[in-house]
Amino acid sequence: MTNRDAIIAKIKKCLALAKSDNEHEAAVALRQAQRLMQQHGITDFDIEAADIQEEATKAGASSHPARWECGLATRVAKAFDCEVFLACGWPVGKWTFVGAAPAAEIARYAFEVMFRQVKRSRSSYIKTALKRCGPTSRTRRADLFCEGWVVAATALIKAFAGSEAQQAKVTAYLENKHALKGFHGRNRSAGRKLAERDYGDVDAGHTAGTEAQLNRGVGGVGERLALE
């Protein structure tokens, strides 16, 4: 913990005491909090943002991941009451999960585990069901498989019980810290009428996704990572 973090923690304690039913005690605590904030240049936003974490992990592409990967990131973020954004980079970009502690860490971990699993499942499907396809068709159909996998697997995650107040903090944090733009995943089937075999790829992915595993904990919060 840095000195600034320690000061913010002290201010938060004072603000908590300022809610006391004892009017004298509450007034003293509030004055102490205000004095510390003025002395150290700490704003109301700094206090609110102290509870917010950023947890980053590697994306599968530098700037335009496949639509199924974007879906995985956003669905996991939503399940744990977080927001997520993509930071472009080379050779790969980074997904950053933003939320109140420990939700962001849990979301990042969940994404990493499921991302590894869907890539393994994708590789296996390519070797068994798509081995006779050309490179372009193979990649496109494997993407459809992954889309089905993501929908099924993320549906198994027990939703994190967040609150509107925490979500408001996350929103304010992002507005102050990051100038974000929307991101759109690469859809290799865009503008194409899907054939019966394409829907079969999605169904195969959905079936495989129901076998996803997410059973290790982070920081003693394993129950929040459990799959139903």
Protein backbone atom coordinates (compact mmCIF):
# COMPACT_ATOMS: atom_id res chain seq x y z
CA MET A 1 0.00 0.00 0.00
CA THR A 2 1.38 3.40 -0.99
CA ASN A 3 1.28 6.43 1.30
CA ARG A 4 -1.54 7.88 -0.84
CA ASP A 5 -3.51 4.65 -0.51
CA ALA A 6 -3.06 4.77 3.26
CA ILE A 7 -4.32 8.35 3.37
CA ILE A 8 -7.36 7.46 1.25
CA ALA A 9 -8.07 4.53 3.57
CA LYS A 10 -7.93 6.89 6.56
CA ILE A 11 -10.26 9.35 4.84
CA LYS A 12 -12.73 6.55 4.13
CA LYS A 13 -12.71 5.58 7.81
CA CYS A 14 -13.40 9.20 8.75
CA LEU A 15 -16.26 9.39 6.27
CA ALA A 16 -17.72 6.20 7.73
CA LEU A 17 -17.54 7.72 11.22
CA ALA A 18 -19.20 10.86 9.85
CA LYS A 19 -22.37 8.80 9.51
CA SER A 20 -22.43 8.18 13.27
CA ASP A 21 -25.59 8.90 15.24
CA ASN A 22 -23.40 10.89 17.61
CA GLU A 23 -23.55 14.35 16.06
CA HIS A 24 -20.34 15.60 17.71
CA GLU A 25 -18.37 12.52 16.67
CA ALA A 26 -19.78 12.74 13.13
CA ALA A 27 -18.85 16.42 12.80
CA VAL A 28 -15.29 15.83 14.02
CA ALA A 29 -14.83 12.89 11.63
CA LEU A 30 -16.15 14.89 8.67
CA ARG A 31 -13.83 17.81 9.40
CA GLN A 32 -10.90 15.40 9.67
CA ALA A 33 -11.78 13.84 6.31
CA GLN A 34 -12.07 17.24 4.64
CA ARG A 35 -8.77 18.40 6.14
CA LEU A 36 -6.93 15.31 4.88
CA MET A 37 -8.45 15.68 1.42
CA GLN A 38 -7.37 19.31 1.19
CA GLN A 39 -3.87 18.64 2.52
CA HIS A 40 -3.17 15.84 0.06
CA GLY A 41 -5.14 17.02 -2.96
CA ILE A 42 -7.53 14.09 -2.84
CA THR A 43 -10.89 14.50 -4.56
CA ASP A 44 -14.27 12.85 -4.11
CA PHE A 45 -13.53 10.89 -7.28
CA ASP A 46 -10.28 9.58 -5.79
CA ILE A 47 -12.24 8.23 -2.84
CA GLU A 48 -14.82 6.56 -5.06
CA ALA A 49 -12.18 5.16 -7.42
CA ALA A 50 -10.20 3.58 -4.58
CA ASP A 51 -12.54 0.58 -4.65
CA ILE A 52 -12.17 0.05 -8.40
CA GLN A 53 -9.62 -2.32 -9.91
CA GLU A 54 -8.28 -2.89 -13.42
CA GLU A 55 -7.20 -6.40 -14.37
CA ALA A 56 -5.65 -6.93 -17.82
CA THR A 57 -5.00 -10.07 -19.82
CA LYS A 58 -3.85 -10.85 -23.35
CA ALA A 59 -6.34 -10.76 -26.20
CA GLY A 60 -6.23 -13.09 -29.18
CA ALA A 61 -5.43 -10.34 -31.70
CA SER A 62 -3.78 -6.94 -31.85
CA SER A 63 -6.90 -4.88 -32.56
CA HIS A 64 -9.78 -6.89 -34.07
CA PRO A 65 -10.44 -10.14 -32.18
CA ALA A 66 -13.05 -12.52 -33.53
CA ARG A 67 -16.64 -11.83 -32.56
CA TRP A 68 -16.78 -14.91 -30.35
CA GLU A 69 -13.79 -13.67 -28.32
CA CYS A 70 -15.44 -10.27 -27.85
CA GLY A 71 -18.58 -12.09 -26.77
CA LEU A 72 -16.64 -14.10 -24.22
CA ALA A 73 -15.04 -10.99 -22.74
CA THR A 74 -18.29 -9.01 -22.51
CA ARG A 75 -20.35 -11.90 -21.17
CA VAL A 76 -17.80 -12.69 -18.47
CA ALA A 77 -17.58 -9.01 -17.52
CA LYS A 78 -21.35 -8.77 -17.22
CA ALA A 79 -21.54 -11.93 -15.11
CA PHE A 80 -19.19 -10.39 -12.55
CA ASP A 81 -20.70 -6.89 -12.65
CA CYS A 82 -17.69 -5.43 -14.46
CA GLU A 83 -16.98 -3.48 -17.61
CA VAL A 84 -14.35 -4.54 -20.14
CA PHE A 85 -12.45 -2.72 -22.86
CA LEU A 86 -9.88 -3.68 -25.47
CA ALA A 87 -6.54 -1.88 -25.56
CA CYS A 88 -4.92 -2.39 -28.96
CA GLY A 89 -1.28 -3.43 -28.99
CA TRP A 90 1.38 -5.45 -30.74
CA PRO A 91 1.68 -8.38 -31.14
CA VAL A 92 -1.60 -8.69 -29.24
CA GLY A 93 -3.95 -6.31 -27.51
CA LYS A 94 -5.22 -6.59 -23.96
CA TRP A 95 -8.62 -7.06 -22.44
CA THR A 96 -8.99 -4.96 -19.30
CA PHE A 97 -11.71 -5.82 -16.80
CA VAL A 98 -12.81 -2.95 -14.56
CA GLY A 99 -14.84 -3.45 -11.41
CA ALA A 100 -15.02 -3.26 -7.65
CA ALA A 101 -12.56 -5.53 -5.85
CA PRO A 102 -12.45 -8.50 -6.12
CA ALA A 103 -14.84 -8.73 -9.08
CA ALA A 104 -12.34 -7.50 -11.69
CA GLU A 105 -9.75 -10.09 -10.66
CA ILE A 106 -12.34 -12.85 -10.73
CA ALA A 107 -13.56 -11.77 -14.17
CA ARG A 108 -10.03 -11.67 -15.55
CA TYR A 109 -9.31 -15.14 -14.18
CA ALA A 110 -12.59 -16.53 -15.50
CA PHE A 111 -11.89 -15.12 -18.96
CA GLU A 112 -8.38 -16.60 -19.03
CA VAL A 113 -9.60 -20.06 -18.03
CA MET A 114 -12.48 -20.09 -20.49
CA PHE A 115 -10.39 -18.57 -23.28
CA ARG A 116 -7.89 -21.43 -22.96
CA GLN A 117 -10.70 -23.98 -22.96
CA VAL A 118 -12.49 -22.61 -26.00
CA LYS A 119 -9.23 -22.50 -27.98
CA ARG A 120 -8.51 -26.13 -27.11
CA SER A 121 -12.04 -27.11 -28.04
CA ARG A 122 -11.74 -25.15 -31.29
CA SER A 123 -8.49 -26.90 -32.19
CA SER A 124 -10.02 -30.30 -31.52
CA TYR A 125 -13.09 -29.48 -33.63
CA ILE A 126 -10.94 -28.34 -36.54
CA LYS A 127 -8.96 -31.58 -36.45
CA THR A 128 -12.02 -33.80 -36.34
CA ALA A 129 -14.88 -32.04 -38.14
CA LEU A 130 -13.21 -29.45 -40.36
CA LYS A 131 -10.04 -31.19 -41.50
CA ARG A 132 -11.22 -31.37 -45.12
CA CYS A 133 -12.13 -27.68 -45.35
CA GLY A 134 -9.95 -25.06 -47.00
CA PRO A 135 -8.20 -22.52 -44.74
CA THR A 136 -10.79 -19.74 -45.14
CA SER A 137 -13.81 -21.99 -44.65
CA ARG A 138 -12.12 -23.79 -41.77
CA THR A 139 -11.47 -20.57 -39.87
CA ARG A 140 -14.95 -19.19 -40.52
CA ARG A 141 -16.72 -22.35 -39.42
CA ALA A 142 -14.48 -22.73 -36.40
CA ASP A 143 -15.55 -19.21 -35.40
CA LEU A 144 -19.18 -20.33 -35.54
CA PHE A 145 -18.32 -23.30 -33.34
CA CYS A 146 -16.72 -20.93 -30.83
CA GLU A 147 -19.76 -18.66 -30.82
CA GLY A 148 -21.92 -21.58 -29.77
CA TRP A 149 -19.35 -22.60 -27.16
CA VAL A 150 -19.23 -19.13 -25.61
CA VAL A 151 -23.02 -18.85 -25.30
CA ALA A 152 -23.29 -22.21 -23.54
CA ALA A 153 -20.24 -21.86 -21.30
CA THR A 154 -20.94 -18.34 -20.05
CA ALA A 155 -24.54 -19.29 -19.28
CA LEU A 156 -23.14 -21.62 -16.61
CA ILE A 157 -21.44 -18.88 -14.60
CA LYS A 158 -23.21 -17.90 -11.42
CA ALA A 159 -23.88 -14.19 -11.64
CA PHE A 160 -21.94 -11.96 -9.28
CA ALA A 161 -24.29 -10.08 -6.96
CA GLY A 162 -23.32 -6.48 -7.61
CA SER A 163 -25.20 -3.26 -6.93
CA GLU A 164 -26.27 -0.18 -8.84
CA ALA A 165 -24.03 1.94 -6.61
CA GLN A 166 -20.96 -0.11 -7.50
CA GLN A 167 -21.85 0.00 -11.19
CA ALA A 168 -22.14 3.79 -10.96
CA LYS A 169 -18.63 3.91 -9.48
CA VAL A 170 -17.27 1.80 -12.34
CA THR A 171 -18.98 4.01 -14.92
CA ALA A 172 -17.60 7.18 -13.32
CA TYR A 173 -14.15 5.61 -13.12
CA LEU A 174 -14.13 4.76 -16.83
CA GLU A 175 -15.38 8.21 -17.80
CA ASN A 176 -12.56 9.85 -15.86
CA LYS A 177 -9.73 7.42 -16.59
CA HIS A 178 -10.30 6.21 -20.14
CA ALA A 179 -11.59 7.74 -23.36
CA LEU A 180 -13.27 4.61 -24.61
CA LYS A 181 -14.72 3.75 -27.97
CA GLY A 182 -16.92 0.81 -28.81
CA PHE A 183 -15.30 -2.31 -30.22
CA HIS A 184 -16.70 -4.75 -32.72
CA GLY A 185 -15.42 -8.26 -33.21
CA ARG A 186 -14.46 -9.67 -36.57
CA ASN A 187 -17.37 -11.60 -38.04
CA ARG A 188 -16.10 -13.88 -40.81
CA SER A 189 -19.67 -14.86 -41.70
CA ALA A 190 -20.88 -11.28 -42.20
CA GLY A 191 -23.07 -10.83 -45.27
CA ARG A 192 -23.29 -14.56 -45.77
CA LYS A 193 -26.43 -16.69 -45.54
CA LEU A 194 -25.64 -19.49 -43.15
CA ALA A 195 -26.04 -23.02 -44.45
CA GLU A 196 -27.30 -26.01 -42.48
CA ARG A 197 -23.73 -27.14 -41.80
CA ASP A 198 -22.95 -23.69 -40.36
CA TYR A 199 -25.77 -24.05 -37.86
CA GLY A 200 -24.39 -27.49 -37.14
CA ASP A 201 -21.07 -25.89 -36.21
CA VAL A 202 -22.84 -23.55 -33.78
CA ASP A 203 -24.76 -26.45 -32.24
CA ALA A 204 -21.58 -28.49 -31.87
CA GLY A 205 -19.94 -25.57 -30.10
CA HIS A 206 -22.92 -25.13 -27.82
CA THR A 207 -22.79 -28.79 -26.82
CA ALA A 208 -19.06 -28.59 -26.15
CA GLY A 209 -19.49 -25.38 -24.16
CA THR A 210 -21.77 -27.08 -21.65
CA GLU A 211 -18.72 -29.04 -20.49
CA ALA A 212 -16.70 -25.94 -19.58
CA GLN A 213 -14.87 -26.06 -16.25
CA LEU A 214 -14.21 -23.15 -13.92
CA ASN A 215 -13.52 -24.56 -10.50
CA ARG A 216 -10.46 -22.83 -9.06
CA GLY A 217 -10.67 -19.87 -6.72
CA VAL A 218 -8.95 -16.50 -6.61
CA GLY A 219 -8.07 -14.91 -3.29
CA GLY A 220 -10.36 -17.21 -1.34
CA VAL A 221 -13.45 -16.51 -3.40
CA GLY A 222 -13.74 -19.83 -5.16
CA GLU A 223 -17.50 -20.03 -4.63
CA ARG A 224 -18.00 -17.00 -6.85
CA LEU A 225 -16.17 -18.77 -9.65
CA ALA A 226 -18.19 -21.96 -9.48
CA LEU A 227 -20.16 -23.19 -12.43
CA GLU A 228 -23.65 -24.45 -11.77
